[in-house]
Protein backbone atom coordinates (compact mmCIF):
# COMPACT_ATOMS: atom_id res chain seq x y z
CA PHE A 1 93.33 99.22 117.14
CA GLY A 2 95.26 99.24 113.69
CA MET A 3 96.97 102.39 114.73
CA VAL A 4 98.50 100.83 117.86
CA TYR A 5 101.04 98.96 115.01
CA GLU A 6 100.25 101.11 111.90
CA TYR A 7 103.91 102.46 111.78
CA SER A 8 105.85 99.97 112.94
CA GLU A 9 104.72 97.44 110.05
CA ARG A 10 104.19 97.69 106.31
CA PHE A 11 100.78 95.82 105.91
CA VAL A 12 97.64 95.44 103.60
CA ASN A 13 94.26 96.71 104.82
CA PRO A 14 91.92 93.73 103.39
CA ILE A 15 88.29 93.12 103.32
CA SER A 16 88.92 89.12 102.96
CA HIS A 17 86.71 86.22 101.88
CA ASP A 18 86.38 85.55 105.74
CA GLU A 19 84.27 88.91 105.89
CA VAL A 20 81.44 87.59 103.39
CA VAL A 21 81.27 83.85 104.17
CA HIS A 22 79.56 81.26 106.95
CA LEU A 23 76.31 83.56 107.23
CA LYS A 24 78.31 86.39 107.45
CA LYS A 25 76.53 88.04 104.64
CA SER A 26 77.77 90.07 102.12
CA LEU A 27 79.46 93.53 102.41
CA LEU A 28 76.41 94.97 100.60
CA ASP A 29 73.81 93.14 103.06
CA LYS A 30 75.94 93.88 106.05
CA MET A 31 74.93 97.52 105.80
CA PRO A 32 71.80 98.92 107.20
CA GLY A 33 69.06 100.68 105.44
CA ASP A 34 67.33 100.56 102.18
CA GLU A 35 69.31 99.90 98.79
CA TRP A 36 70.25 103.13 97.92
CA GLN A 37 71.84 103.61 101.55
CA LYS A 38 73.61 100.08 101.28
CA LEU A 39 75.51 101.21 98.18
CA ALA A 40 76.10 104.44 99.92
CA ASN A 41 77.46 102.80 102.98
CA LEU A 42 79.77 100.43 100.83
CA ARG A 43 81.09 103.49 98.87
CA LEU A 44 81.83 105.38 101.89
CA LEU A 45 83.46 101.97 103.58
CA VAL A 46 85.81 101.49 100.46
CA THR A 47 86.66 105.10 100.38
CA TYR A 48 88.00 104.91 103.97
CA GLN A 49 89.48 101.62 103.14
CA MET A 50 91.72 103.35 100.26
CA THR A 51 92.31 106.45 101.98
CA ARG A 52 93.76 105.32 105.41
CA PRO A 53 97.18 103.96 105.73
CA GLY A 54 98.31 100.72 104.70
CA LYS A 55 97.52 99.31 101.23
CA ALA A 56 94.13 97.91 100.25
CA LEU A 57 92.83 94.61 98.98
CA LEU A 58 89.19 93.85 98.05
CA PHE A 59 87.88 90.29 97.97
CA MET A 60 86.75 89.36 94.64
CA GLY A 61 83.43 89.79 93.59
CA SER A 62 82.95 92.50 96.11
CA GLU A 63 83.05 95.22 93.42
CA LEU A 64 79.65 94.00 92.27
CA ALA A 65 77.77 94.34 95.43
CA PRO A 66 76.03 90.93 95.29
CA HIS A 67 73.14 90.37 98.12
CA ARG A 68 74.19 86.98 98.83
CA GLU A 69 77.57 85.84 100.30
CA TRP A 70 80.65 84.42 98.69
CA ASN A 71 79.91 80.67 97.18
CA HIS A 72 82.84 78.84 96.25
CA ASP A 73 80.19 76.64 94.31
CA ALA A 74 78.99 79.44 92.01
CA SER A 75 80.24 81.81 89.63
CA LEU A 76 80.36 85.53 90.68
CA ASP A 77 77.18 87.46 90.21
CA TRP A 78 78.30 89.04 86.70
CA HIS A 79 75.01 89.78 85.91
CA LEU A 80 74.70 92.86 88.38
CA GLY A 81 76.81 94.40 85.97
CA ALA A 82 73.84 95.21 83.83
CA LEU A 83 71.80 97.21 86.78
CA PRO A 84 72.66 101.08 86.90
CA SER A 85 73.41 101.16 90.36
CA ARG A 86 76.28 98.67 89.83
CA ALA A 87 77.56 100.75 86.59
CA GLY A 88 77.75 103.61 89.22
CA LEU A 89 79.51 101.43 91.42
CA ASP A 90 81.96 100.44 88.90
CA ALA A 91 82.63 104.10 87.86
CA PHE A 92 83.46 104.61 91.42
CA PHE A 93 85.94 102.16 92.07
CA GLU A 94 87.48 102.95 88.71
CA THR A 95 87.49 107.00 89.52
CA LEU A 96 88.97 106.16 93.24
CA GLY A 97 91.70 103.79 92.00
CA THR A 98 92.89 105.91 89.47
CA LEU A 99 92.70 109.22 92.16
CA TYR A 100 94.60 106.94 94.50
CA ARG A 101 97.28 106.11 92.00
CA ASP A 102 97.73 109.79 91.27
CA THR A 103 97.64 111.15 94.50
CA PRO A 104 101.13 110.50 96.40
CA ALA A 105 99.61 111.78 99.66
CA LEU A 106 97.42 108.76 99.68
CA TRP A 107 100.17 106.43 99.72
CA LYS A 108 103.85 107.88 99.63
CA ALA A 109 104.21 108.22 103.56
CA ASP A 110 102.06 105.15 104.55
CA PRO A 111 104.22 103.66 107.06
CA ASP A 112 105.16 106.86 108.79
CA PRO A 113 103.40 108.25 111.21
CA ASP A 114 103.78 112.17 109.94
CA GLY A 115 101.79 110.94 106.80
CA PHE A 116 98.35 110.78 108.94
CA CYS A 117 96.58 112.98 111.03
CA TRP A 118 93.30 112.92 112.62
CA VAL A 119 91.30 116.70 112.01
CA ASP A 120 88.71 115.00 114.00
CA ALA A 121 87.47 111.77 115.37
CA ASP A 122 85.08 113.10 118.18
CA ASP A 123 82.09 114.26 116.66
CA ARG A 124 79.57 111.56 118.22
CA VAL A 125 76.62 113.86 117.87
CA ASN A 126 76.82 114.05 113.61
CA SER A 127 79.01 111.04 113.24
CA VAL A 128 81.38 112.70 110.80
CA PHE A 129 84.94 111.65 111.15
CA ALA A 130 88.05 114.03 109.31
CA TYR A 131 91.71 113.22 108.78
CA ALA A 132 94.48 114.44 106.36
CA ARG A 133 97.15 112.57 104.49
CA PHE A 134 100.40 113.76 103.71
CA ALA A 135 103.11 113.03 101.00
CA LYS A 136 106.22 114.36 103.43
CA ASP A 137 107.27 116.04 100.25
CA GLN A 138 106.35 119.41 99.44
CA ARG A 139 106.04 118.80 95.62
CA TYR A 140 102.57 116.92 96.51
CA PRO A 141 99.93 118.57 98.39
CA HIS A 142 98.27 116.93 100.91
CA VAL A 143 94.38 115.37 101.25
CA ILE A 144 91.65 116.22 103.52
CA ILE A 145 88.83 113.16 103.79
CA VAL A 146 85.72 113.79 105.34
CA MET A 147 83.52 111.20 106.01
CA ASN A 148 79.67 111.65 106.98
CA CYS A 149 78.29 108.45 108.29
CA THR A 150 74.53 108.92 108.52
CA PRO A 151 72.07 109.53 105.89
CA VAL A 152 71.51 113.34 106.61
CA PRO A 153 73.12 115.98 104.72
CA ARG A 154 75.38 118.43 106.63
CA SER A 155 75.53 121.90 105.60
CA GLY A 156 77.52 124.73 107.20
CA TYR A 157 80.13 122.12 108.58
CA ARG A 158 83.25 123.72 109.56
CA ILE A 159 86.53 121.50 110.01
CA GLY A 160 90.32 122.89 110.78
CA VAL A 161 92.79 122.48 107.78
CA PRO A 162 96.75 122.63 107.97
CA SER A 163 97.02 125.33 105.05
CA ALA A 164 95.85 128.69 104.59
CA ALA A 165 95.09 128.02 101.08
CA THR A 166 92.07 127.40 98.56
CA TYR A 167 90.61 123.68 98.93
CA GLU A 168 88.97 122.01 95.98
CA GLU A 169 86.87 118.74 96.04
CA ILE A 170 88.46 116.19 94.14
CA PHE A 171 86.32 113.68 94.81
CA SER A 172 83.13 112.74 96.06
CA SER A 173 81.58 109.16 96.97
CA ASP A 174 77.97 110.80 96.50
CA ASP A 175 78.94 111.65 92.77
CA ARG A 176 75.80 111.24 90.51
CA ARG A 177 78.18 109.29 88.50
CA PHE A 178 78.27 106.68 90.94
CA SER A 179 74.43 106.52 91.82
CA GLY A 180 74.91 108.96 94.57
CA SER A 181 71.95 111.68 95.95
CA ALA A 182 74.39 114.57 93.98
CA VAL A 183 74.00 116.97 96.98
CA GLU A 184 75.27 119.91 96.09
CA THR A 185 79.03 120.33 97.86
CA VAL A 186 81.46 123.16 98.45
CA GLN A 187 83.54 122.72 95.32
CA ARG A 188 86.21 125.10 96.19
CA VAL A 189 86.60 126.99 99.42
CA VAL A 190 89.19 129.54 100.77
CA ALA A 191 90.42 128.58 104.53
CA GLU A 192 89.33 131.54 106.82
CA PRO A 193 91.60 132.53 109.65
CA VAL A 194 89.19 130.69 112.19
CA PRO A 195 91.31 128.61 114.55
CA TYR A 196 89.11 125.01 114.65
CA HIS A 197 90.29 121.57 115.53
CA GLY A 198 94.08 122.67 116.75
CA PHE A 199 94.66 124.70 113.30
CA GLY A 200 95.22 128.06 112.39
CA GLN A 201 92.35 128.18 109.78
CA SER A 202 89.34 126.24 108.76
CA ILE A 203 86.70 125.88 105.85
CA VAL A 204 83.27 125.32 106.11
CA LEU A 205 81.59 122.45 103.72
CA THR A 206 78.42 120.92 102.86
CA LEU A 207 78.65 116.90 103.30
CA PRO A 208 76.56 114.67 101.18
CA PRO A 209 74.59 111.93 102.85
CA LEU A 210 76.67 108.64 103.77
CA GLY A 211 79.07 110.09 101.79
CA ALA A 212 83.16 111.05 101.90
CA ILE A 213 84.86 113.86 99.96
CA LEU A 214 88.17 114.62 99.65
CA LEU A 215 89.70 117.92 99.46
CA SER A 216 93.33 119.32 98.47
CA PRO A 217 94.85 122.87 98.59
CA THR A 218 95.13 124.00 94.74
CA ILE A 219 96.81 127.52 95.78
CA ALA A 220 99.86 127.17 98.23
CA PRO A 221 99.60 129.70 101.02
CA SER A 222 101.74 132.95 100.68
């Protein structure tokens, strides 16, 4: 729905207080699965929020991943920061925020339809989404975002890519530093001349469970 008006307005993608009050649960407790899956789903959601068009805004305290919903009569659950899982979440927010700031493709062309394209939004069998962000400036490489929305790792997963280049993984929400599963992914991959998803070339990846990976071309096509 957001893409109906996405390129006619300049807007913020908020996760607002209204999403975590009035018995709607905290972001963490909205997620299915055990504690690990809940945190992985939260990292996946925030990665999507940060990498789609529009500026991101997270409601206060959500970065602590509390189990209880927002309560204006109580302080934030600062004690959660002492847990190893929340230390991993803190590292996740810091790393993703720094990457966002330093990667113009993720924000430079937000209000422009040429700044975003779906690679694949139709894989209902595997629940995988892939899209690309562009800065519309040849000085900055584009970024491919691939999201695996199931707790099942997927190896040998092929996606189309815009360039006949070498792609490098620049971020994984499943990184061990973030308390992820640390499923071994493909760190560098050369695009093959195999047409896929409407592109003239493609790459084969290993997707972590409930994880998002970001890839960027490191060697420009000849």
